[in-house]
PDB file of N, CA and C in Angstrom:
ATOM      1  N   MET A   1       0.892  -1.189   0.075  1.00  0.00           N
ATOM      2  CA  MET A   1       0.203   0.055   0.241  1.00  0.00           C
ATOM      3  C   MET A   1       0.662   1.203  -0.255  1.00  0.00           C
ATOM      4  N   HIS A   2       0.101   2.330  -0.685  1.00  0.00           N
ATOM      5  CA  HIS A   2       1.250   3.402  -0.856  1.00  0.00           C
ATOM      6  C   HIS A   2       0.235   4.414  -0.595  1.00  0.00           C
ATOM      7  N   HIS A   3       0.815   5.515   0.551  1.00  0.00           N
ATOM      8  CA  HIS A   3      -0.126   6.669   0.778  1.00  0.00           C
ATOM      9  C   HIS A   3       0.040   7.593  -0.433  1.00  0.00           C
ATOM     10  N   LEU A   4      -1.148   8.263  -0.771  1.00  0.00           N
ATOM     11  CA  LEU A   4      -1.409   9.030  -2.278  1.00  0.00           C
ATOM     12  C   LEU A   4      -0.752  10.892  -1.430  1.00  0.00           C
ATOM     13  N   HIS A   5      -0.601  11.119  -0.484  1.00  0.00           N
ATOM     14  CA  HIS A   5      -0.615  12.093   0.338  1.00  0.00           C
ATOM     15  C   HIS A   5       0.241  11.753   1.302  1.00  0.00           C
ATOM     16  N   ARG A   6       1.328  12.027   1.737  1.00  0.00           N
ATOM     17  CA  ARG A   6       2.276  11.640   2.891  1.00  0.00           C
ATOM     18  C   ARG A   6       1.455  12.158   4.199  1.00  0.00           C
ATOM     19  N   ARG A   7       1.548  11.143   4.918  1.00  0.00           N
ATOM     20  CA  ARG A   7       1.486  11.080   6.650  1.00  0.00           C
ATOM     21  C   ARG A   7       1.981  12.606   7.473  1.00  0.00           C
ATOM     22  N   SER A   8       3.162  12.543   6.452  1.00  0.00           N
ATOM     23  CA  SER A   8       4.265  13.906   7.597  1.00  0.00           C
ATOM     24  C   SER A   8       3.798  15.004   6.542  1.00  0.00           C
ATOM     25  N   ASP A   9       2.658  14.985   5.760  1.00  0.00           N
ATOM     26  CA  ASP A   9       2.345  16.206   5.323  1.00  0.00           C
ATOM     27  C   ASP A   9       0.968  16.248   5.268  1.00  0.00           C
ATOM     28  N   GLY A  10       0.381  16.071   6.289  1.00  0.00           N
ATOM     29  CA  GLY A  10      -1.177  15.797   6.844  1.00  0.00           C
ATOM     30  C   GLY A  10      -2.097  15.218   6.065  1.00  0.00           C
ATOM     31  N   GLY A  11      -1.204  14.076   5.178  1.00  0.00           N
ATOM     32  CA  GLY A  11      -2.586  13.004   4.697  1.00  0.00           C
ATOM     33  C   GLY A  11      -2.894  11.949   5.567  1.00  0.00           C
ATOM     34  N   ALA A  12      -4.221  11.752   5.238  1.00  0.00           N
ATOM     35  CA  ALA A  12      -5.036  10.952   6.140  1.00  0.00           C
ATOM     36  C   ALA A  12      -4.547   9.529   6.261  1.00  0.00           C
ATOM     37  N   ASP A  13      -4.553   8.820   7.306  1.00  0.00           N
ATOM     38  CA  ASP A  13      -4.115   7.778   7.241  1.00  0.00           C
ATOM     39  C   ASP A  13      -5.583   6.618   7.148  1.00  0.00           C
ATOM     40  N   ASP A  14      -5.733   6.853   5.586  1.00  0.00           N
ATOM     41  CA  ASP A  14      -7.540   6.262   5.489  1.00  0.00           C
ATOM     42  C   ASP A  14      -7.549   5.188   4.228  1.00  0.00           C
ATOM     43  N   PRO A  15      -8.236   4.855   3.986  1.00  0.00           N
ATOM     44  CA  PRO A  15      -8.486   4.231   2.316  1.00  0.00           C
ATOM     45  C   PRO A  15      -8.692   4.987   1.282  1.00  0.00           C
ATOM     46  N   ASP A  16      -9.081   6.092   1.728  1.00  0.00           N
ATOM     47  CA  ASP A  16      -9.217   6.745   0.343  1.00  0.00           C
ATOM     48  C   ASP A  16      -8.304   7.387   0.001  1.00  0.00           C
ATOM     49  N   ASN A  17      -6.962   7.436   0.999  1.00  0.00           N
ATOM     50  CA  ASN A  17      -6.203   8.001   0.422  1.00  0.00           C
ATOM     51  C   ASN A  17      -4.746   6.966   0.508  1.00  0.00           C
ATOM     52  N   VAL A  18      -5.235   5.787  -0.437  1.00  0.00           N
ATOM     53  CA  VAL A  18      -4.318   4.811   0.077  1.00  0.00           C
ATOM     54  C   VAL A  18      -4.256   3.995  -1.594  1.00  0.00           C
ATOM     55  N   VAL A  19      -3.263   3.767  -2.360  1.00  0.00           N
ATOM     56  CA  VAL A  19      -3.192   2.711  -3.494  1.00  0.00           C
ATOM     57  C   VAL A  19      -2.517   1.872  -3.249  1.00  0.00           C
ATOM     58  N   ALA A  20      -2.988   0.413  -3.891  1.00  0.00           N
ATOM     59  CA  ALA A  20      -2.581  -0.915  -3.893  1.00  0.00           C
ATOM     60  C   ALA A  20      -1.118  -1.187  -4.863  1.00  0.00           C
ATOM     61  N   LEU A  21       0.019  -1.022  -4.648  1.00  0.00           N
ATOM     62  CA  LEU A  21       1.025  -1.102  -6.010  1.00  0.00           C
ATOM     63  C   LEU A  21       1.800  -1.922  -5.981  1.00  0.00           C
ATOM     64  N   CYS A  22       1.980  -2.909  -6.905  1.00  0.00           N
ATOM     65  CA  CYS A  22       3.253  -3.878  -6.825  1.00  0.00           C
ATOM     66  C   CYS A  22       4.525  -3.361  -6.322  1.00  0.00           C
ATOM     67  N   PRO A  23       5.308  -4.189  -6.068  1.00  0.00           N
ATOM     68  CA  PRO A  23       6.931  -3.780  -5.085  1.00  0.00           C
ATOM     69  C   PRO A  23       7.677  -3.066  -6.573  1.00  0.00           C
ATOM     70  N   ASN A  24       7.243  -3.901  -7.585  1.00  0.00           N
ATOM     71  CA  ASN A  24       8.381  -2.395  -8.105  1.00  0.00           C
ATOM     72  C   ASN A  24       7.780  -0.929  -8.632  1.00  0.00           C
ATOM     73  N   CYS A  25       6.340  -1.087  -8.518  1.00  0.00           N
ATOM     74  CA  CYS A  25       5.875   0.532  -8.591  1.00  0.00           C
ATOM     75  C   CYS A  25       6.534   1.390  -7.809  1.00  0.00           C
ATOM     76  N   HIS A  26       6.158   0.444  -6.327  1.00  0.00           N
ATOM     77  CA  HIS A  26       5.988   1.139  -4.957  1.00  0.00           C
ATOM     78  C   HIS A  26       7.582   1.898  -5.175  1.00  0.00           C
ATOM     79  N   ARG A  27       8.649   0.757  -5.206  1.00  0.00           N
ATOM     80  CA  ARG A  27      10.050   1.625  -5.354  1.00  0.00           C
ATOM     81  C   ARG A  27      10.330   2.450  -6.349  1.00  0.00           C
ATOM     82  N   ARG A  28       9.357   2.616  -7.373  1.00  0.00           N
ATOM     83  CA  ARG A  28       9.695   3.507  -8.805  1.00  0.00           C
ATOM     84  C   ARG A  28       9.065   4.781  -8.147  1.00  0.00           C
ATOM     85  N   VAL A  29       7.734   4.799  -7.368  1.00  0.00           N
ATOM     86  CA  VAL A  29       7.458   6.098  -6.943  1.00  0.00           C
ATOM     87  C   VAL A  29       8.470   6.676  -5.513  1.00  0.00           C
ATOM     88  N   HIS A  30       9.245   5.933  -4.938  1.00  0.00           N
ATOM     89  CA  HIS A  30       9.843   6.175  -3.548  1.00  0.00           C
ATOM     90  C   HIS A  30      11.365   6.812  -4.318  1.00  0.00           C
ATOM     91  N   HIS A  31      12.166   5.629  -5.258  1.00  0.00           N
ATOM     92  CA  HIS A  31      13.176   5.704  -4.998  1.00  0.00           C
ATOM     93  C   HIS A  31      13.517   5.781  -6.849  1.00  0.00           C
ATOM     94  N   GLY A  32      12.653   6.257  -7.952  1.00  0.00           N
ATOM     95  CA  GLY A  32      12.842   6.462  -9.116  1.00  0.00           C
ATOM     96  C   GLY A  32      13.360   7.495  -9.653  1.00  0.00           C
ATOM     97  N   ARG A  33      13.626   8.126 -10.714  1.00  0.00           N
ATOM     98  CA  ARG A  33      14.373   9.226 -11.340  1.00  0.00           C
ATOM     99  C   ARG A  33      13.295  10.316 -11.289  1.00  0.00           C
ATOM    100  N   GLU A  34      11.346   9.425 -11.860  1.00  0.00           N
ATOM    101  CA  GLU A  34      10.432  10.411 -12.058  1.00  0.00           C
ATOM    102  C   GLU A  34       9.741   9.625 -11.113  1.00  0.00           C
ATOM    103  N   GLY A  35       9.856   9.677  -9.836  1.00  0.00           N
ATOM    104  CA  GLY A  35       9.023   9.026  -8.673  1.00  0.00           C
ATOM    105  C   GLY A  35       8.279   9.834  -8.902  1.00  0.00           C
ATOM    106  N   GLU A  36       8.596  11.456  -8.864  1.00  0.00           N
ATOM    107  CA  GLU A  36       7.401  12.680  -8.260  1.00  0.00           C
ATOM    108  C   GLU A  36       6.306  12.538  -9.559  1.00  0.00           C
ATOM    109  N   THR A  37       6.725  12.293 -10.460  1.00  0.00           N
ATOM    110  CA  THR A  37       6.099  12.483 -11.918  1.00  0.00           C
ATOM    111  C   THR A  37       4.738  11.499 -11.583  1.00  0.00           C
ATOM    112  N   PHE A  38       5.144  10.183 -11.574  1.00  0.00           N
ATOM    113  CA  PHE A  38       4.688   8.921 -11.951  1.00  0.00           C
ATOM    114  C   PHE A  38       3.872   9.018 -10.397  1.00  0.00           C
ATOM    115  N   GLU A  39       4.078   9.757  -9.074  1.00  0.00           N
ATOM    116  CA  GLU A  39       2.955   9.618  -8.212  1.00  0.00           C
ATOM    117  C   GLU A  39       2.059  10.956  -8.314  1.00  0.00           C
ATOM    118  N   ALA A  40       2.451  11.859  -9.296  1.00  0.00           N
ATOM    119  CA  ALA A  40       1.437  12.704  -9.100  1.00  0.00           C
ATOM    120  C   ALA A  40       0.284  12.103 -10.653  1.00  0.00           C
ATOM    121  N   ASP A  41       0.922  11.071 -11.308  1.00  0.00           N
ATOM    122  CA  ASP A  41      -0.355  10.469 -12.263  1.00  0.00           C
ATOM    123  C   ASP A  41      -0.930   9.510 -11.711  1.00  0.00           C
ATOM    124  N   LEU A  42      -0.296   8.822 -10.798  1.00  0.00           N
ATOM    125  CA  LEU A  42      -1.347   8.065  -9.786  1.00  0.00           C
ATOM    126  C   LEU A  42      -2.420   8.573  -8.470  1.00  0.00           C
ATOM    127  N   VAL A  43      -1.924   9.966  -8.392  1.00  0.00           N
ATOM    128  CA  VAL A  43      -3.178  10.682  -7.767  1.00  0.00           C
ATOM    129  C   VAL A  43      -3.699  11.193  -8.581  1.00  0.00           C
ATOM    130  N   GLU A  44      -3.564  11.482  -9.969  1.00  0.00           N
ATOM    131  CA  GLU A  44      -4.648  12.067 -11.015  1.00  0.00           C
ATOM    132  C   GLU A  44      -5.585  10.963 -11.117  1.00  0.00           C
ATOM    133  N   ARG A  45      -5.074   9.980 -11.484  1.00  0.00           N
ATOM    134  CA  ARG A  45      -5.824   8.563 -11.833  1.00  0.00           C
ATOM    135  C   ARG A  45      -6.705   8.305 -10.741  1.00  0.00           C
ATOM    136  N   VAL A  46      -6.663   8.131  -9.689  1.00  0.00           N
ATOM    137  CA  VAL A  46      -7.316   8.139  -8.116  1.00  0.00           C
ATOM    138  C   VAL A  46      -8.194   8.706  -8.315  1.00  0.00           C
ATOM    139  N   ARG A  47      -8.045   9.906  -8.631  1.00  0.00           N
ATOM    140  CA  ARG A  47      -9.177  11.249  -8.424  1.00  0.00           C
ATOM    141  C   ARG A  47     -10.156  10.984  -9.415  1.00  0.00           C
ATOM    142  N   ASP A  48      -9.778  11.034 -10.332  1.00  0.00           N
ATOM    143  CA  ASP A  48     -10.888  10.906 -11.901  1.00  0.00           C
ATOM    144  C   ASP A  48     -11.412   9.832 -11.534  1.00  0.00           C
ATOM    145  N   ARG A  49     -10.987   8.534 -11.076  1.00  0.00           N
ATOM    146  CA  ARG A  49     -12.067   7.485 -10.949  1.00  0.00           C
ATOM    147  C   ARG A  49     -13.265   7.827 -10.825  1.00  0.00           C
ATOM    148  N   SER A  50     -14.297   6.973 -11.309  1.00  0.00           N
ATOM    149  CA  SER A  50     -15.974   6.590 -10.535  1.00  0.00           C
ATOM    150  C   SER A  50     -16.350   5.834  -9.966  1.00  0.00           C
ATOM    151  N   PHE A  51     -16.703   5.479  -9.203  1.00  0.00           N
ATOM    152  CA  PHE A  51     -17.719   4.553  -8.209  1.00  0.00           C
ATOM    153  C   PHE A  51     -19.373   4.645  -8.662  1.00  0.00           C
ATOM    154  N   ASP A  52     -19.204   4.417  -9.834  1.00  0.00           N
ATOM    155  CA  ASP A  52     -20.668   3.958 -10.410  1.00  0.00           C
ATOM    156  C   ASP A  52     -20.819   2.896 -10.629  1.00  0.00           C
TER     157      ASP A  52
END
């Protein structure tokens, strides 16, 4: 699990603030050269999904 908004930055420890990532993607977010861009894309994708 990965928090979309860091808890240390005020993000909630709540199911609406987490996404399941495979180990490779989780490492990419935290240690990849484009980690910030990848994470921003994740946040946008989660925000844009509908639950109809």
